[in-house]
């Protein structure tokens, strides 16, 4: 017979089920301020189905992310 106190299960953390659909990478991109460039790149990729034909969008997104990752100067 199981001892009392060992048969419980931990309840799901609050918001765990609600946020299941949110991609952590998308959230990080949104916080970076480069969401528009990312959206444009995704649209190009969906339309052309070849990243080599989306080089302008790739460079714009890459430059935006690089600017955001540089240390901020006072």
PDB file of N, CA and C in Angstrom:
ATOM      1  N   UNK A   1       0.848  -1.186   0.000  1.00  0.00           N
ATOM      2  CA  UNK A   1       0.000   0.000   0.000  1.00  0.00           C
ATOM      3  C   UNK A   1       0.890   1.244   0.000  1.00  0.00           C
ATOM      4  N   UNK A   2       0.536   2.215  -0.826  1.00  0.00           N
ATOM      5  CA  UNK A   2       1.326   3.444  -0.928  1.00  0.00           C
ATOM      6  C   UNK A   2       1.183   4.282   0.323  1.00  0.00           C
ATOM      7  N   UNK A   3       2.265   4.899   0.691  1.00  0.00           N
ATOM      8  CA  UNK A   3       2.229   5.758   1.869  1.00  0.00           C
ATOM      9  C   UNK A   3       1.532   7.070   1.518  1.00  0.00           C
ATOM     10  N   UNK A   4       0.803   7.652   2.451  1.00  0.00           N
ATOM     11  CA  UNK A   4       0.121   8.920   2.184  1.00  0.00           C
ATOM     12  C   UNK A   4       1.135   9.997   1.793  1.00  0.00           C
ATOM     13  N   UNK A   5       0.751  10.834   0.865  1.00  0.00           N
ATOM     14  CA  UNK A   5       1.614  11.938   0.452  1.00  0.00           C
ATOM     15  C   UNK A   5       2.461  11.635  -0.770  1.00  0.00           C
ATOM     16  N   UNK A   6       2.437  10.395  -1.237  1.00  0.00           N
ATOM     17  CA  UNK A   6       3.255  10.038  -2.387  1.00  0.00           C
ATOM     18  C   UNK A   6       2.425   9.801  -3.642  1.00  0.00           C
ATOM     19  N   UNK A   7       1.154  10.024  -3.577  1.00  0.00           N
ATOM     20  CA  UNK A   7       0.279   9.743  -4.708  1.00  0.00           C
ATOM     21  C   UNK A   7      -0.219  11.020  -5.382  1.00  0.00           C
ATOM     22  N   UNK A   8       0.352  12.162  -5.042  1.00  0.00           N
ATOM     23  CA  UNK A   8      -0.125  13.403  -5.642  1.00  0.00           C
ATOM     24  C   UNK A   8       0.679  13.725  -6.889  1.00  0.00           C
ATOM     25  N   UNK A   9       0.098  14.506  -7.751  1.00  0.00           N
ATOM     26  CA  UNK A   9       0.816  14.973  -8.937  1.00  0.00           C
ATOM     27  C   UNK A   9       0.838  16.495  -8.911  1.00  0.00           C
ATOM     28  N   UNK A  10       1.913  17.043  -9.411  1.00  0.00           N
ATOM     29  CA  UNK A  10       2.079  18.490  -9.429  1.00  0.00           C
ATOM     30  C   UNK A  10       1.128  19.111 -10.449  1.00  0.00           C
ATOM     31  N   UNK A  11       0.351  20.119 -10.063  1.00  0.00           N
ATOM     32  CA  UNK A  11      -0.525  20.779 -11.036  1.00  0.00           C
ATOM     33  C   UNK A  11       0.311  21.526 -12.072  1.00  0.00           C
ATOM     34  N   UNK A  12      -0.226  21.668 -13.267  1.00  0.00           N
ATOM     35  CA  UNK A  12       0.475  22.403 -14.319  1.00  0.00           C
ATOM     36  C   UNK A  12       0.704  23.837 -13.869  1.00  0.00           C
ATOM     37  N   UNK A  13       1.861  24.360 -14.248  1.00  0.00           N
ATOM     38  CA  UNK A  13       2.151  25.747 -13.895  1.00  0.00           C
ATOM     39  C   UNK A  13       1.166  26.661 -14.599  1.00  0.00           C
ATOM     40  N   UNK A  14       0.864  27.754 -13.955  1.00  0.00           N
ATOM     41  CA  UNK A  14      -0.098  28.696 -14.511  1.00  0.00           C
ATOM     42  C   UNK A  14       0.423  29.242 -15.834  1.00  0.00           C
ATOM     43  N   UNK A  15      -0.421  29.211 -16.843  1.00  0.00           N
ATOM     44  CA  UNK A  15      -0.064  29.735 -18.148  1.00  0.00           C
ATOM     45  C   UNK A  15       0.653  28.728 -19.027  1.00  0.00           C
ATOM     46  N   UNK A  16       1.043  27.595 -18.485  1.00  0.00           N
ATOM     47  CA  UNK A  16       1.770  26.600 -19.260  1.00  0.00           C
ATOM     48  C   UNK A  16       0.940  26.125 -20.443  1.00  0.00           C
ATOM     49  N   UNK A  17      -0.327  25.840 -20.208  1.00  0.00           N
ATOM     50  CA  UNK A  17      -1.196  25.378 -21.275  1.00  0.00           C
ATOM     51  C   UNK A  17      -1.568  26.511 -22.218  1.00  0.00           C
ATOM     52  N   UNK A  18      -1.726  27.717 -21.685  1.00  0.00           N
ATOM     53  CA  UNK A  18      -2.123  28.859 -22.496  1.00  0.00           C
ATOM     54  C   UNK A  18      -1.029  29.255 -23.478  1.00  0.00           C
ATOM     55  N   UNK A  19       0.229  29.165 -23.054  1.00  0.00           N
ATOM     56  CA  UNK A  19       1.335  29.633 -23.875  1.00  0.00           C
ATOM     57  C   UNK A  19       1.928  28.534 -24.741  1.00  0.00           C
ATOM     58  N   UNK A  20       1.331  27.373 -24.729  1.00  0.00           N
ATOM     59  CA  UNK A  20       1.881  26.250 -25.470  1.00  0.00           C
ATOM     60  C   UNK A  20       2.030  26.569 -26.950  1.00  0.00           C
ATOM     61  N   UNK A  21       1.128  27.357 -27.519  1.00  0.00           N
ATOM     62  CA  UNK A  21       1.169  27.666 -28.929  1.00  0.00           C
ATOM     63  C   UNK A  21       2.170  28.740 -29.302  1.00  0.00           C
ATOM     64  N   UNK A  22       2.688  29.493 -28.343  1.00  0.00           N
ATOM     65  CA  UNK A  22       3.612  30.577 -28.645  1.00  0.00           C
ATOM     66  C   UNK A  22       5.025  30.033 -28.802  1.00  0.00           C
ATOM     67  N   UNK A  23       5.635  30.345 -29.920  1.00  0.00           N
ATOM     68  CA  UNK A  23       6.991  29.896 -30.202  1.00  0.00           C
ATOM     69  C   UNK A  23       7.984  30.816 -29.499  1.00  0.00           C
ATOM     70  N   UNK A  24       8.896  30.273 -28.706  1.00  0.00           N
ATOM     71  CA  UNK A  24       9.869  31.115 -27.996  1.00  0.00           C
ATOM     72  C   UNK A  24      10.746  31.930 -28.944  1.00  0.00           C
ATOM     73  N   UNK A  25      11.045  31.382 -30.114  1.00  0.00           N
ATOM     74  CA  UNK A  25      11.857  32.120 -31.079  1.00  0.00           C
ATOM     75  C   UNK A  25      11.098  33.335 -31.602  1.00  0.00           C
ATOM     76  N   UNK A  26       9.815  33.162 -31.902  1.00  0.00           N
ATOM     77  CA  UNK A  26       9.001  34.292 -32.355  1.00  0.00           C
ATOM     78  C   UNK A  26       8.923  35.369 -31.279  1.00  0.00           C
ATOM     79  N   UNK A  27       8.799  34.958 -30.036  1.00  0.00           N
ATOM     80  CA  UNK A  27       8.740  35.924 -28.937  1.00  0.00           C
ATOM     81  C   UNK A  27      10.056  36.694 -28.827  1.00  0.00           C
ATOM     82  N   UNK A  28      11.166  36.000 -29.000  1.00  0.00           N
ATOM     83  CA  UNK A  28      12.478  36.668 -28.924  1.00  0.00           C
ATOM     84  C   UNK A  28      12.643  37.668 -30.070  1.00  0.00           C
ATOM     85  N   UNK A  29      12.225  37.279 -31.260  1.00  0.00           N
ATOM     86  CA  UNK A  29      12.316  38.182 -32.409  1.00  0.00           C
ATOM     87  C   UNK A  29      11.441  39.404 -32.179  1.00  0.00           C
ATOM     88  N   UNK A  30      10.258  39.205 -31.634  1.00  0.00           N
ATOM     89  CA  UNK A  30       9.359  40.329 -31.351  1.00  0.00           C
ATOM     90  C   UNK A  30      10.007  41.295 -30.363  1.00  0.00           C
ATOM     91  N   UNK A  31      10.658  40.764 -29.333  1.00  0.00           N
ATOM     92  CA  UNK A  31      11.329  41.623 -28.344  1.00  0.00           C
ATOM     93  C   UNK A  31      12.535  42.344 -28.939  1.00  0.00           C
ATOM     94  N   UNK A  32      13.117  41.795 -29.991  1.00  0.00           N
ATOM     95  CA  UNK A  32      14.314  42.397 -30.582  1.00  0.00           C
ATOM     96  C   UNK A  32      13.994  43.671 -31.356  1.00  0.00           C
ATOM     97  N   UNK A  33      12.741  43.814 -31.774  1.00  0.00           N
ATOM     98  CA  UNK A  33      12.375  44.963 -32.591  1.00  0.00           C
ATOM     99  C   UNK A  33      12.528  44.691 -34.077  1.00  0.00           C
ATOM    100  N   UNK A  34      12.811  43.453 -34.453  1.00  0.00           N
ATOM    101  CA  UNK A  34      13.030  43.086 -35.859  1.00  0.00           C
ATOM    102  C   UNK A  34      11.871  42.268 -36.426  1.00  0.00           C
ATOM    103  N   UNK A  35      10.719  42.380 -35.815  1.00  0.00           N
ATOM    104  CA  UNK A  35       9.576  41.569 -36.226  1.00  0.00           C
ATOM    105  C   UNK A  35       9.143  41.870 -37.662  1.00  0.00           C
ATOM    106  N   UNK A  36       9.163  43.114 -38.053  1.00  0.00           N
ATOM    107  CA  UNK A  36       8.748  43.476 -39.415  1.00  0.00           C
ATOM    108  C   UNK A  36       9.688  42.870 -40.456  1.00  0.00           C
ATOM    109  N   UNK A  37      10.988  42.942 -40.222  1.00  0.00           N
ATOM    110  CA  UNK A  37      11.952  42.354 -41.155  1.00  0.00           C
ATOM    111  C   UNK A  37      11.778  40.835 -41.216  1.00  0.00           C
ATOM    112  N   UNK A  38      11.502  40.233 -40.080  1.00  0.00           N
ATOM    113  CA  UNK A  38      11.277  38.787 -40.043  1.00  0.00           C
ATOM    114  C   UNK A  38      10.017  38.421 -40.819  1.00  0.00           C
ATOM    115  N   UNK A  39       8.970  39.209 -40.651  1.00  0.00           N
ATOM    116  CA  UNK A  39       7.718  38.963 -41.383  1.00  0.00           C
ATOM    117  C   UNK A  39       7.944  39.059 -42.889  1.00  0.00           C
ATOM    118  N   UNK A  40       8.697  40.081 -43.318  1.00  0.00           N
ATOM    119  CA  UNK A  40       8.984  40.240 -44.742  1.00  0.00           C
ATOM    120  C   UNK A  40       9.786  39.059 -45.286  1.00  0.00           C
ATOM    121  N   UNK A  41      10.743  38.581 -44.501  1.00  0.00           N
ATOM    122  CA  UNK A  41      11.532  37.422 -44.913  1.00  0.00           C
ATOM    123  C   UNK A  41      10.647  36.183 -45.021  1.00  0.00           C
ATOM    124  N   UNK A  42       9.762  35.980 -44.059  1.00  0.00           N
ATOM    125  CA  UNK A  42       8.861  34.827 -44.103  1.00  0.00           C
ATOM    126  C   UNK A  42       7.943  34.890 -45.321  1.00  0.00           C
ATOM    127  N   UNK A  43       7.440  36.074 -45.633  1.00  0.00           N
ATOM    128  CA  UNK A  43       6.564  36.227 -46.801  1.00  0.00           C
ATOM    129  C   UNK A  43       7.318  35.908 -48.083  1.00  0.00           C
ATOM    130  N   UNK A  44       8.555  36.391 -48.182  1.00  0.00           N
ATOM    131  CA  UNK A  44       9.368  36.113 -49.365  1.00  0.00           C
ATOM    132  C   UNK A  44       9.613  34.614 -49.502  1.00  0.00           C
ATOM    133  N   UNK A  45       9.959  33.975 -48.393  1.00  0.00           N
ATOM    134  CA  UNK A  45      10.223  32.535 -48.424  1.00  0.00           C
ATOM    135  C   UNK A  45       8.968  31.748 -48.817  1.00  0.00           C
ATOM    136  N   UNK A  46       7.823  32.171 -48.336  1.00  0.00           N
ATOM    137  CA  UNK A  46       6.574  31.485 -48.672  1.00  0.00           C
ATOM    138  C   UNK A  46       6.248  31.656 -50.154  1.00  0.00           C
ATOM    139  N   UNK A  47       6.529  32.839 -50.672  1.00  0.00           N
ATOM    140  CA  UNK A  47       6.215  33.130 -52.070  1.00  0.00           C
ATOM    141  C   UNK A  47       7.201  32.467 -53.027  1.00  0.00           C
ATOM    142  N   UNK A  48       8.486  32.584 -52.732  1.00  0.00           N
ATOM    143  CA  UNK A  48       9.519  32.121 -53.673  1.00  0.00           C
ATOM    144  C   UNK A  48      10.056  30.728 -53.369  1.00  0.00           C
ATOM    145  N   UNK A  49       9.864  30.253 -52.148  1.00  0.00           N
ATOM    146  CA  UNK A  49      10.295  28.917 -51.729  1.00  0.00           C
ATOM    147  C   UNK A  49      11.779  28.651 -51.978  1.00  0.00           C
ATOM    148  N   UNK A  50      12.589  29.695 -51.876  1.00  0.00           N
ATOM    149  CA  UNK A  50      14.038  29.557 -52.069  1.00  0.00           C
ATOM    150  C   UNK A  50      14.715  30.746 -51.398  1.00  0.00           C
ATOM    151  N   UNK A  51      15.433  30.491 -50.310  1.00  0.00           N
ATOM    152  CA  UNK A  51      16.051  31.586 -49.556  1.00  0.00           C
ATOM    153  C   UNK A  51      17.050  32.359 -50.403  1.00  0.00           C
ATOM    154  N   UNK A  52      17.611  31.725 -51.425  1.00  0.00           N
ATOM    155  CA  UNK A  52      18.586  32.424 -52.278  1.00  0.00           C
ATOM    156  C   UNK A  52      17.932  33.544 -53.069  1.00  0.00           C
ATOM    157  N   UNK A  53      16.642  33.457 -53.274  1.00  0.00           N
ATOM    158  CA  UNK A  53      15.923  34.499 -54.005  1.00  0.00           C
ATOM    159  C   UNK A  53      15.376  35.571 -53.065  1.00  0.00           C
ATOM    160  N   UNK A  54      15.713  35.481 -51.785  1.00  0.00           N
ATOM    161  CA  UNK A  54      15.244  36.437 -50.778  1.00  0.00           C
ATOM    162  C   UNK A  54      16.427  37.116 -50.091  1.00  0.00           C
ATOM    163  N   UNK A  55      17.515  37.302 -50.802  1.00  0.00           N
ATOM    164  CA  UNK A  55      18.734  37.815 -50.182  1.00  0.00           C
ATOM    165  C   UNK A  55      18.570  39.219 -49.604  1.00  0.00           C
ATOM    166  N   UNK A  56      17.793  40.059 -50.235  1.00  0.00           N
ATOM    167  CA  UNK A  56      17.570  41.406 -49.701  1.00  0.00           C
ATOM    168  C   UNK A  56      16.912  41.325 -48.318  1.00  0.00           C
ATOM    169  N   UNK A  57      15.911  40.461 -48.196  1.00  0.00           N
ATOM    170  CA  UNK A  57      15.210  40.292 -46.927  1.00  0.00           C
ATOM    171  C   UNK A  57      16.102  39.614 -45.882  1.00  0.00           C
ATOM    172  N   UNK A  58      16.900  38.636 -46.318  1.00  0.00           N
ATOM    173  CA  UNK A  58      17.823  37.957 -45.404  1.00  0.00           C
ATOM    174  C   UNK A  58      18.809  38.966 -44.829  1.00  0.00           C
ATOM    175  N   UNK A  59      19.383  39.810 -45.692  1.00  0.00           N
ATOM    176  CA  UNK A  59      20.356  40.811 -45.228  1.00  0.00           C
ATOM    177  C   UNK A  59      19.708  41.838 -44.305  1.00  0.00           C
ATOM    178  N   UNK A  60      18.503  42.275 -44.626  1.00  0.00           N
ATOM    179  CA  UNK A  60      17.822  43.265 -43.786  1.00  0.00           C
ATOM    180  C   UNK A  60      17.536  42.692 -42.400  1.00  0.00           C
ATOM    181  N   UNK A  61      17.065  41.465 -42.341  1.00  0.00           N
ATOM    182  CA  UNK A  61      16.782  40.834 -41.052  1.00  0.00           C
ATOM    183  C   UNK A  61      18.076  40.597 -40.275  1.00  0.00           C
ATOM    184  N   UNK A  62      19.101  40.117 -40.952  1.00  0.00           N
ATOM    185  CA  UNK A  62      20.387  39.873 -40.301  1.00  0.00           C
ATOM    186  C   UNK A  62      20.997  41.149 -39.753  1.00  0.00           C
ATOM    187  N   UNK A  63      20.920  42.239 -40.514  1.00  0.00           N
ATOM    188  CA  UNK A  63      21.468  43.519 -40.061  1.00  0.00           C
ATOM    189  C   UNK A  63      20.699  44.037 -38.853  1.00  0.00           C
ATOM    190  N   UNK A  64      19.388  43.889 -38.873  1.00  0.00           N
ATOM    191  CA  UNK A  64      18.571  44.333 -37.742  1.00  0.00           C
ATOM    192  C   UNK A  64      18.941  43.555 -36.488  1.00  0.00           C
ATOM    193  N   UNK A  65      19.040  42.252 -36.591  1.00  0.00           N
ATOM    194  CA  UNK A  65      19.386  41.430 -35.432  1.00  0.00           C
ATOM    195  C   UNK A  65      20.794  41.749 -34.942  1.00  0.00           C
ATOM    196  N   UNK A  66      21.724  41.989 -35.850  1.00  0.00           N
ATOM    197  CA  UNK A  66      23.101  42.314 -35.455  1.00  0.00           C
ATOM    198  C   UNK A  66      23.140  43.631 -34.683  1.00  0.00           C
ATOM    199  N   UNK A  67      22.358  44.618 -35.136  1.00  0.00           N
ATOM    200  CA  UNK A  67      22.307  45.902 -34.422  1.00  0.00           C
ATOM    201  C   UNK A  67      21.759  45.717 -33.016  1.00  0.00           C
ATOM    202  N   UNK A  68      20.769  44.864 -32.869  1.00  0.00           N
ATOM    203  CA  UNK A  68      20.134  44.648 -31.563  1.00  0.00           C
ATOM    204  C   UNK A  68      21.035  43.873 -30.608  1.00  0.00           C
ATOM    205  N   UNK A  69      21.964  43.088 -31.152  1.00  0.00           N
ATOM    206  CA  UNK A  69      22.821  42.267 -30.304  1.00  0.00           C
ATOM    207  C   UNK A  69      24.092  42.988 -29.878  1.00  0.00           C
ATOM    208  N   UNK A  70      24.369  44.144 -30.473  1.00  0.00           N
ATOM    209  CA  UNK A  70      25.548  44.907 -30.069  1.00  0.00           C
ATOM    210  C   UNK A  70      25.300  45.511 -28.697  1.00  0.00           C
ATOM    211  N   UNK A  71      26.343  45.567 -27.864  1.00  0.00           N
ATOM    212  CA  UNK A  71      26.168  46.191 -26.545  1.00  0.00           C
ATOM    213  C   UNK A  71      25.788  47.665 -26.687  1.00  0.00           C
ATOM    214  N   UNK A  72      24.860  48.090 -25.856  1.00  0.00           N
ATOM    215  CA  UNK A  72      24.415  49.481 -25.880  1.00  0.00           C
ATOM    216  C   UNK A  72      25.451  50.370 -25.209  1.00  0.00           C
ATOM    217  N   UNK A  73      25.758  51.478 -25.830  1.00  0.00           N
ATOM    218  CA  UNK A  73      26.708  52.433 -25.257  1.00  0.00           C
ATOM    219  C   UNK A  73      25.957  53.491 -24.461  1.00  0.00           C
ATOM    220  N   UNK A  74      26.516  53.897 -23.309  1.00  0.00           N
ATOM    221  CA  UNK A  74      25.837  54.916 -22.480  1.00  0.00           C
ATOM    222  C   UNK A  74      25.846  56.277 -23.112  1.00  0.00           C
TER     223      UNK A  74
END
